[in-house]
């Protein structure tokens, strides 16, 4: 059994190995994916708030708290995005 049987990445020329993603690009992809997921969750939360009925003060506090958490998460995304590119 040789090395090619164990690791198929070893076959091919040097130009094949240049197509492998670097750690930095994988980190960037992970950050972008997490941003897309959080924004999707924010959109879903805002869709739920459209049909939310406020019957008492506690309901209004819950609504305000959820909007505040959404604003905080959006701020954290923007802050994290700026820290990656600085």
PDB file of N, CA and C in Angstrom:
ATOM      1  N   UNK A   1       0.858  -1.169   0.000  1.00  0.00           N
ATOM      2  CA  UNK A   1       0.000   0.000   0.000  1.00  0.00           C
ATOM      3  C   UNK A   1       0.908   1.237   0.000  1.00  0.00           C
ATOM      4  N   UNK A   2       0.652   2.126  -0.927  1.00  0.00           N
ATOM      5  CA  UNK A   2       1.479   3.341  -0.992  1.00  0.00           C
ATOM      6  C   UNK A   2       0.699   4.544  -0.486  1.00  0.00           C
ATOM      7  N   UNK A   3       1.363   5.705  -0.489  1.00  0.00           N
ATOM      8  CA  UNK A   3       0.757   6.926   0.057  1.00  0.00           C
ATOM      9  C   UNK A   3      -0.457   7.378  -0.753  1.00  0.00           C
ATOM     10  N   UNK A   4      -0.448   7.126  -2.063  1.00  0.00           N
ATOM     11  CA  UNK A   4      -1.571   7.555  -2.900  1.00  0.00           C
ATOM     12  C   UNK A   4      -2.858   6.812  -2.541  1.00  0.00           C
ATOM     13  N   UNK A   5      -2.735   5.589  -2.079  1.00  0.00           N
ATOM     14  CA  UNK A   5      -3.917   4.838  -1.678  1.00  0.00           C
ATOM     15  C   UNK A   5      -4.541   5.436  -0.410  1.00  0.00           C
ATOM     16  N   UNK A   6      -3.703   5.970   0.457  1.00  0.00           N
ATOM     17  CA  UNK A   6      -4.197   6.518   1.716  1.00  0.00           C
ATOM     18  C   UNK A   6      -4.674   7.959   1.596  1.00  0.00           C
ATOM     19  N   UNK A   7      -4.011   8.740   0.748  1.00  0.00           N
ATOM     20  CA  UNK A   7      -4.324  10.168   0.645  1.00  0.00           C
ATOM     21  C   UNK A   7      -4.403  10.565  -0.830  1.00  0.00           C
ATOM     22  N   UNK A   8      -5.600  10.611  -1.412  1.00  0.00           N
ATOM     23  CA  UNK A   8      -5.728  10.928  -2.844  1.00  0.00           C
ATOM     24  C   UNK A   8      -5.309  12.354  -3.177  1.00  0.00           C
ATOM     25  N   UNK A   9      -5.113  13.217  -2.165  1.00  0.00           N
ATOM     26  CA  UNK A   9      -4.683  14.583  -2.448  1.00  0.00           C
ATOM     27  C   UNK A   9      -3.262  14.637  -2.967  1.00  0.00           C
ATOM     28  N   UNK A  10      -2.491  13.557  -2.758  1.00  0.00           N
ATOM     29  CA  UNK A  10      -1.090  13.558  -3.167  1.00  0.00           C
ATOM     30  C   UNK A  10      -0.921  13.337  -4.664  1.00  0.00           C
ATOM     31  N   UNK A  11      -1.930  12.819  -5.334  1.00  0.00           N
ATOM     32  CA  UNK A  11      -1.796  12.621  -6.775  1.00  0.00           C
ATOM     33  C   UNK A  11      -2.064  13.920  -7.508  1.00  0.00           C
ATOM     34  N   UNK A  12      -1.520  14.040  -8.684  1.00  0.00           N
ATOM     35  CA  UNK A  12      -1.676  15.258  -9.463  1.00  0.00           C
ATOM     36  C   UNK A  12      -0.470  16.160  -9.323  1.00  0.00           C
ATOM     37  N   UNK A  13      -0.444  17.202 -10.134  1.00  0.00           N
ATOM     38  CA  UNK A  13       0.691  18.116 -10.141  1.00  0.00           C
ATOM     39  C   UNK A  13       0.578  19.193  -9.088  1.00  0.00           C
ATOM     40  N   UNK A  14       1.550  20.081  -9.119  1.00  0.00           N
ATOM     41  CA  UNK A  14       1.597  21.181  -8.159  1.00  0.00           C
ATOM     42  C   UNK A  14       0.436  22.149  -8.368  1.00  0.00           C
ATOM     43  N   UNK A  15      -0.039  22.299  -9.618  1.00  0.00           N
ATOM     44  CA  UNK A  15      -1.139  23.226  -9.886  1.00  0.00           C
ATOM     45  C   UNK A  15      -2.431  22.771  -9.234  1.00  0.00           C
ATOM     46  N   UNK A  16      -2.580  21.470  -9.017  1.00  0.00           N
ATOM     47  CA  UNK A  16      -3.774  20.964  -8.342  1.00  0.00           C
ATOM     48  C   UNK A  16      -3.780  21.372  -6.880  1.00  0.00           C
ATOM     49  N   UNK A  17      -2.624  21.440  -6.258  1.00  0.00           N
ATOM     50  CA  UNK A  17      -2.552  21.759  -4.848  1.00  0.00           C
ATOM     51  C   UNK A  17      -2.743  23.248  -4.573  1.00  0.00           C
ATOM     52  N   UNK A  18      -2.637  24.089  -5.572  1.00  0.00           N
ATOM     53  CA  UNK A  18      -2.844  25.522  -5.364  1.00  0.00           C
ATOM     54  C   UNK A  18      -4.322  25.868  -5.251  1.00  0.00           C
ATOM     55  N   UNK A  19      -5.217  24.950  -5.611  1.00  0.00           N
ATOM     56  CA  UNK A  19      -6.655  25.201  -5.543  1.00  0.00           C
ATOM     57  C   UNK A  19      -7.241  24.928  -4.166  1.00  0.00           C
ATOM     58  N   UNK A  20      -6.444  24.435  -3.238  1.00  0.00           N
ATOM     59  CA  UNK A  20      -6.927  24.147  -1.895  1.00  0.00           C
ATOM     60  C   UNK A  20      -7.169  25.465  -1.168  1.00  0.00           C
ATOM     61  N   UNK A  21      -8.312  25.564  -0.494  1.00  0.00           N
ATOM     62  CA  UNK A  21      -8.660  26.789   0.218  1.00  0.00           C
ATOM     63  C   UNK A  21      -7.721  27.001   1.399  1.00  0.00           C
ATOM     64  N   UNK A  22      -7.355  28.232   1.616  1.00  0.00           N
ATOM     65  CA  UNK A  22      -6.514  28.544   2.757  1.00  0.00           C
ATOM     66  C   UNK A  22      -7.361  28.665   4.021  1.00  0.00           C
ATOM     67  N   UNK A  23      -6.701  28.706   5.153  1.00  0.00           N
ATOM     68  CA  UNK A  23      -7.410  28.827   6.424  1.00  0.00           C
ATOM     69  C   UNK A  23      -8.124  30.172   6.501  1.00  0.00           C
ATOM     70  N   UNK A  24      -7.518  31.221   5.961  1.00  0.00           N
ATOM     71  CA  UNK A  24      -8.153  32.542   5.993  1.00  0.00           C
ATOM     72  C   UNK A  24      -9.442  32.567   5.187  1.00  0.00           C
ATOM     73  N   UNK A  25      -9.439  31.924   4.032  1.00  0.00           N
ATOM     74  CA  UNK A  25     -10.660  31.921   3.232  1.00  0.00           C
ATOM     75  C   UNK A  25     -11.741  31.063   3.892  1.00  0.00           C
ATOM     76  N   UNK A  26     -11.358  29.996   4.586  1.00  0.00           N
ATOM     77  CA  UNK A  26     -12.339  29.195   5.307  1.00  0.00           C
ATOM     78  C   UNK A  26     -12.940  29.991   6.463  1.00  0.00           C
ATOM     79  N   UNK A  27     -12.117  30.778   7.142  1.00  0.00           N
ATOM     80  CA  UNK A  27     -12.619  31.626   8.229  1.00  0.00           C
ATOM     81  C   UNK A  27     -13.590  32.664   7.678  1.00  0.00           C
ATOM     82  N   UNK A  28     -13.260  33.223   6.517  1.00  0.00           N
ATOM     83  CA  UNK A  28     -14.141  34.199   5.885  1.00  0.00           C
ATOM     84  C   UNK A  28     -15.471  33.562   5.489  1.00  0.00           C
ATOM     85  N   UNK A  29     -15.413  32.351   4.938  1.00  0.00           N
ATOM     86  CA  UNK A  29     -16.642  31.651   4.572  1.00  0.00           C
ATOM     87  C   UNK A  29     -17.494  31.359   5.804  1.00  0.00           C
ATOM     88  N   UNK A  30     -16.849  30.973   6.899  1.00  0.00           N
ATOM     89  CA  UNK A  30     -17.572  30.696   8.139  1.00  0.00           C
ATOM     90  C   UNK A  30     -18.245  31.956   8.665  1.00  0.00           C
ATOM     91  N   UNK A  31     -17.534  33.082   8.617  1.00  0.00           N
ATOM     92  CA  UNK A  31     -18.120  34.345   9.073  1.00  0.00           C
ATOM     93  C   UNK A  31     -19.294  34.754   8.199  1.00  0.00           C
ATOM     94  N   UNK A  32     -19.138  34.607   6.890  1.00  0.00           N
ATOM     95  CA  UNK A  32     -20.232  34.968   5.981  1.00  0.00           C
ATOM     96  C   UNK A  32     -21.449  34.082   6.202  1.00  0.00           C
ATOM     97  N   UNK A  33     -21.217  32.795   6.416  1.00  0.00           N
ATOM     98  CA  UNK A  33     -22.333  31.882   6.642  1.00  0.00           C
ATOM     99  C   UNK A  33     -23.050  32.216   7.946  1.00  0.00           C
ATOM    100  N   UNK A  34     -22.296  32.511   8.975  1.00  0.00           N
ATOM    101  CA  UNK A  34     -22.940  32.864  10.248  1.00  0.00           C
ATOM    102  C   UNK A  34     -23.715  34.169  10.115  1.00  0.00           C
ATOM    103  N   UNK A  35     -23.199  35.128   9.348  1.00  0.00           N
ATOM    104  CA  UNK A  35     -23.926  36.379   9.126  1.00  0.00           C
ATOM    105  C   UNK A  35     -25.242  36.126   8.393  1.00  0.00           C
ATOM    106  N   UNK A  36     -25.209  35.266   7.392  1.00  0.00           N
ATOM    107  CA  UNK A  36     -26.429  34.957   6.635  1.00  0.00           C
ATOM    108  C   UNK A  36     -27.453  34.280   7.535  1.00  0.00           C
ATOM    109  N   UNK A  37     -26.999  33.377   8.393  1.00  0.00           N
ATOM    110  CA  UNK A  37     -27.920  32.686   9.294  1.00  0.00           C
ATOM    111  C   UNK A  37     -28.554  33.670  10.273  1.00  0.00           C
ATOM    112  N   UNK A  38     -27.754  34.554  10.850  1.00  0.00           N
ATOM    113  CA  UNK A  38     -28.285  35.517  11.820  1.00  0.00           C
ATOM    114  C   UNK A  38     -29.256  36.480  11.145  1.00  0.00           C
ATOM    115  N   UNK A  39     -28.924  36.953   9.959  1.00  0.00           N
ATOM    116  CA  UNK A  39     -29.829  37.863   9.251  1.00  0.00           C
ATOM    117  C   UNK A  39     -31.135  37.145   8.899  1.00  0.00           C
ATOM    118  N   UNK A  40     -31.045  35.883   8.511  1.00  0.00           N
ATOM    119  CA  UNK A  40     -32.262  35.112   8.241  1.00  0.00           C
ATOM    120  C   UNK A  40     -33.129  34.958   9.475  1.00  0.00           C
ATOM    121  N   UNK A  41     -32.493  34.731  10.626  1.00  0.00           N
ATOM    122  CA  UNK A  41     -33.247  34.645  11.873  1.00  0.00           C
ATOM    123  C   UNK A  41     -33.873  35.984  12.240  1.00  0.00           C
ATOM    124  N   UNK A  42     -33.169  37.074  11.948  1.00  0.00           N
ATOM    125  CA  UNK A  42     -33.713  38.398  12.226  1.00  0.00           C
ATOM    126  C   UNK A  42     -34.939  38.674  11.362  1.00  0.00           C
ATOM    127  N   UNK A  43     -34.873  38.308  10.093  1.00  0.00           N
ATOM    128  CA  UNK A  43     -36.014  38.504   9.195  1.00  0.00           C
ATOM    129  C   UNK A  43     -37.209  37.675   9.670  1.00  0.00           C
ATOM    130  N   UNK A  44     -36.942  36.434  10.085  1.00  0.00           N
ATOM    131  CA  UNK A  44     -38.030  35.587  10.589  1.00  0.00           C
ATOM    132  C   UNK A  44     -38.644  36.177  11.855  1.00  0.00           C
ATOM    133  N   UNK A  45     -37.795  36.748  12.720  1.00  0.00           N
ATOM    134  CA  UNK A  45     -38.316  37.356  13.947  1.00  0.00           C
ATOM    135  C   UNK A  45     -39.171  38.577  13.636  1.00  0.00           C
ATOM    136  N   UNK A  46     -38.740  39.394  12.684  1.00  0.00           N
ATOM    137  CA  UNK A  46     -39.546  40.561  12.319  1.00  0.00           C
ATOM    138  C   UNK A  46     -40.864  40.154  11.669  1.00  0.00           C
ATOM    139  N   UNK A  47     -40.862  39.056  10.911  1.00  0.00           N
ATOM    140  CA  UNK A  47     -42.118  38.564  10.343  1.00  0.00           C
ATOM    141  C   UNK A  47     -43.085  38.146  11.448  1.00  0.00           C
ATOM    142  N   UNK A  48     -42.544  37.533  12.511  1.00  0.00           N
ATOM    143  CA  UNK A  48     -43.397  37.131  13.636  1.00  0.00           C
ATOM    144  C   UNK A  48     -43.942  38.346  14.381  1.00  0.00           C
ATOM    145  N   UNK A  49     -43.167  39.434  14.471  1.00  0.00           N
ATOM    146  CA  UNK A  49     -43.625  40.608  15.206  1.00  0.00           C
ATOM    147  C   UNK A  49     -44.726  41.361  14.470  1.00  0.00           C
ATOM    148  N   UNK A  50     -44.848  41.151  13.165  1.00  0.00           N
ATOM    149  CA  UNK A  50     -45.914  41.830  12.413  1.00  0.00           C
ATOM    150  C   UNK A  50     -47.284  41.380  12.918  1.00  0.00           C
ATOM    151  N   UNK A  51     -47.430  40.087  13.193  1.00  0.00           N
ATOM    152  CA  UNK A  51     -48.716  39.571  13.667  1.00  0.00           C
ATOM    153  C   UNK A  51     -48.841  39.520  15.171  1.00  0.00           C
ATOM    154  N   UNK A  52     -47.904  40.103  15.898  1.00  0.00           N
ATOM    155  CA  UNK A  52     -47.912  40.056  17.365  1.00  0.00           C
ATOM    156  C   UNK A  52     -48.941  41.026  17.916  1.00  0.00           C
ATOM    157  N   UNK A  53     -49.809  40.533  18.774  1.00  0.00           N
ATOM    158  CA  UNK A  53     -50.832  41.377  19.379  1.00  0.00           C
ATOM    159  C   UNK A  53     -50.416  41.753  20.794  1.00  0.00           C
ATOM    160  N   UNK A  54     -50.486  43.043  21.102  1.00  0.00           N
ATOM    161  CA  UNK A  54     -50.153  43.540  22.437  1.00  0.00           C
ATOM    162  C   UNK A  54     -51.443  43.677  23.217  1.00  0.00           C
ATOM    163  N   UNK A  55     -51.585  42.855  24.259  1.00  0.00           N
ATOM    164  CA  UNK A  55     -52.794  42.883  25.087  1.00  0.00           C
ATOM    165  C   UNK A  55     -52.563  43.538  26.437  1.00  0.00           C
ATOM    166  N   UNK A  56     -51.318  43.566  26.886  1.00  0.00           N
ATOM    167  CA  UNK A  56     -51.029  44.173  28.187  1.00  0.00           C
ATOM    168  C   UNK A  56     -49.584  44.698  28.184  1.00  0.00           C
ATOM    169  N   UNK A  57     -49.174  45.247  29.307  1.00  0.00           N
ATOM    170  CA  UNK A  57     -47.849  45.851  29.398  1.00  0.00           C
ATOM    171  C   UNK A  57     -46.744  44.814  29.277  1.00  0.00           C
ATOM    172  N   UNK A  58     -46.979  43.609  29.768  1.00  0.00           N
ATOM    173  CA  UNK A  58     -45.954  42.557  29.685  1.00  0.00           C
ATOM    174  C   UNK A  58     -45.677  42.175  28.226  1.00  0.00           C
ATOM    175  N   UNK A  59     -46.735  42.123  27.426  1.00  0.00           N
ATOM    176  CA  UNK A  59     -46.549  41.832  26.002  1.00  0.00           C
ATOM    177  C   UNK A  59     -45.720  42.915  25.326  1.00  0.00           C
ATOM    178  N   UNK A  60     -45.965  44.169  25.694  1.00  0.00           N
ATOM    179  CA  UNK A  60     -45.208  45.278  25.123  1.00  0.00           C
ATOM    180  C   UNK A  60     -43.736  45.208  25.539  1.00  0.00           C
ATOM    181  N   UNK A  61     -43.472  44.822  26.786  1.00  0.00           N
ATOM    182  CA  UNK A  61     -42.087  44.667  27.238  1.00  0.00           C
ATOM    183  C   UNK A  61     -41.380  43.531  26.493  1.00  0.00           C
ATOM    184  N   UNK A  62     -42.093  42.444  26.247  1.00  0.00           N
ATOM    185  CA  UNK A  62     -41.519  41.329  25.487  1.00  0.00           C
ATOM    186  C   UNK A  62     -41.182  41.778  24.066  1.00  0.00           C
ATOM    187  N   UNK A  63     -42.082  42.517  23.449  1.00  0.00           N
ATOM    188  CA  UNK A  63     -41.844  43.029  22.102  1.00  0.00           C
ATOM    189  C   UNK A  63     -40.630  43.954  22.075  1.00  0.00           C
ATOM    190  N   UNK A  64     -40.552  44.864  23.028  1.00  0.00           N
ATOM    191  CA  UNK A  64     -39.416  45.790  23.090  1.00  0.00           C
ATOM    192  C   UNK A  64     -38.113  45.048  23.354  1.00  0.00           C
ATOM    193  N   UNK A  65     -38.157  44.050  24.200  1.00  0.00           N
ATOM    194  CA  UNK A  65     -36.956  43.256  24.476  1.00  0.00           C
ATOM    195  C   UNK A  65     -36.471  42.496  23.266  1.00  0.00           C
ATOM    196  N   UNK A  66     -37.392  41.947  22.495  1.00  0.00           N
ATOM    197  CA  UNK A  66     -36.985  41.205  21.294  1.00  0.00           C
ATOM    198  C   UNK A  66     -36.393  42.140  20.239  1.00  0.00           C
ATOM    199  N   UNK A  67     -36.971  43.327  20.103  1.00  0.00           N
ATOM    200  CA  UNK A  67     -36.413  44.300  19.158  1.00  0.00           C
ATOM    201  C   UNK A  67     -35.031  44.759  19.623  1.00  0.00           C
ATOM    202  N   UNK A  68     -34.859  44.926  20.927  1.00  0.00           N
ATOM    203  CA  UNK A  68     -33.550  45.313  21.455  1.00  0.00           C
ATOM    204  C   UNK A  68     -32.514  44.221  21.220  1.00  0.00           C
ATOM    205  N   UNK A  69     -32.894  42.958  21.387  1.00  0.00           N
ATOM    206  CA  UNK A  69     -31.956  41.857  21.122  1.00  0.00           C
ATOM    207  C   UNK A  69     -31.610  41.760  19.642  1.00  0.00           C
ATOM    208  N   UNK A  70     -32.582  42.023  18.774  1.00  0.00           N
ATOM    209  CA  UNK A  70     -32.301  42.024  17.340  1.00  0.00           C
ATOM    210  C   UNK A  70     -31.345  43.158  16.977  1.00  0.00           C
ATOM    211  N   UNK A  71     -31.535  44.317  17.584  1.00  0.00           N
ATOM    212  CA  UNK A  71     -30.629  45.436  17.335  1.00  0.00           C
ATOM    213  C   UNK A  71     -29.228  45.120  17.837  1.00  0.00           C
ATOM    214  N   UNK A  72     -29.122  44.483  18.984  1.00  0.00           N
ATOM    215  CA  UNK A  72     -27.821  44.102  19.518  1.00  0.00           C
ATOM    216  C   UNK A  72     -27.127  43.092  18.612  1.00  0.00           C
ATOM    217  N   UNK A  73     -27.853  42.120  18.116  1.00  0.00           N
ATOM    218  CA  UNK A  73     -27.242  41.129  17.229  1.00  0.00           C
ATOM    219  C   UNK A  73     -26.799  41.763  15.918  1.00  0.00           C
ATOM    220  N   UNK A  74     -27.579  42.704  15.386  1.00  0.00           N
ATOM    221  CA  UNK A  74     -27.169  43.404  14.169  1.00  0.00           C
ATOM    222  C   UNK A  74     -25.910  44.228  14.422  1.00  0.00           C
ATOM    223  N   UNK A  75     -25.837  44.873  15.585  1.00  0.00           N
ATOM    224  CA  UNK A  75     -24.649  45.659  15.927  1.00  0.00           C
ATOM    225  C   UNK A  75     -23.426  44.759  16.068  1.00  0.00           C
ATOM    226  N   UNK A  76     -23.600  43.585  16.669  1.00  0.00           N
ATOM    227  CA  UNK A  76     -22.482  42.657  16.820  1.00  0.00           C
ATOM    228  C   UNK A  76     -21.997  42.139  15.471  1.00  0.00           C
ATOM    229  N   UNK A  77     -22.922  41.926  14.538  1.00  0.00           N
ATOM    230  CA  UNK A  77     -22.513  41.487  13.202  1.00  0.00           C
ATOM    231  C   UNK A  77     -21.694  42.573  12.523  1.00  0.00           C
ATOM    232  N   UNK A  78     -22.162  43.800  12.581  1.00  0.00           N
ATOM    233  CA  UNK A  78     -21.439  44.907  11.942  1.00  0.00           C
ATOM    234  C   UNK A  78     -20.083  45.096  12.609  1.00  0.00           C
ATOM    235  N   UNK A  79     -20.043  45.005  13.930  1.00  0.00           N
ATOM    236  CA  UNK A  79     -18.790  45.166  14.663  1.00  0.00           C
ATOM    237  C   UNK A  79     -17.820  44.043  14.332  1.00  0.00           C
ATOM    238  N   UNK A  80     -18.313  42.825  14.272  1.00  0.00           N
ATOM    239  CA  UNK A  80     -17.468  41.682  13.919  1.00  0.00           C
ATOM    240  C   UNK A  80     -16.987  41.734  12.486  1.00  0.00           C
ATOM    241  N   UNK A  81     -17.834  42.223  11.595  1.00  0.00           N
ATOM    242  CA  UNK A  81     -17.445  42.337  10.185  1.00  0.00           C
ATOM    243  C   UNK A  81     -16.338  43.365  10.011  1.00  0.00           C
ATOM    244  N   UNK A  82     -16.417  44.474  10.758  1.00  0.00           N
ATOM    245  CA  UNK A  82     -15.385  45.501  10.682  1.00  0.00           C
ATOM    246  C   UNK A  82     -14.076  45.024  11.265  1.00  0.00           C
ATOM    247  N   UNK A  83     -14.120  44.185  12.311  1.00  0.00           N
ATOM    248  CA  UNK A  83     -12.897  43.695  12.949  1.00  0.00           C
ATOM    249  C   UNK A  83     -12.157  42.724  12.044  1.00  0.00           C
ATOM    250  N   UNK A  84     -12.870  42.008  11.179  1.00  0.00           N
ATOM    251  CA  UNK A  84     -12.224  41.059  10.291  1.00  0.00           C
ATOM    252  C   UNK A  84     -11.427  41.778   9.226  1.00  0.00           C
ATOM    253  N   UNK A  85     -11.938  42.902   8.738  1.00  0.00           N
ATOM    254  CA  UNK A  85     -11.296  43.584   7.620  1.00  0.00           C
ATOM    255  C   UNK A  85     -10.304  44.650   8.044  1.00  0.00           C
ATOM    256  N   UNK A  86     -10.154  44.898   9.319  1.00  0.00           N
ATOM    257  CA  UNK A  86      -9.211  45.941   9.759  1.00  0.00           C
ATOM    258  C   UNK A  86      -7.808  45.420   9.791  1.00  0.00           C
TER     259      UNK A  86
END
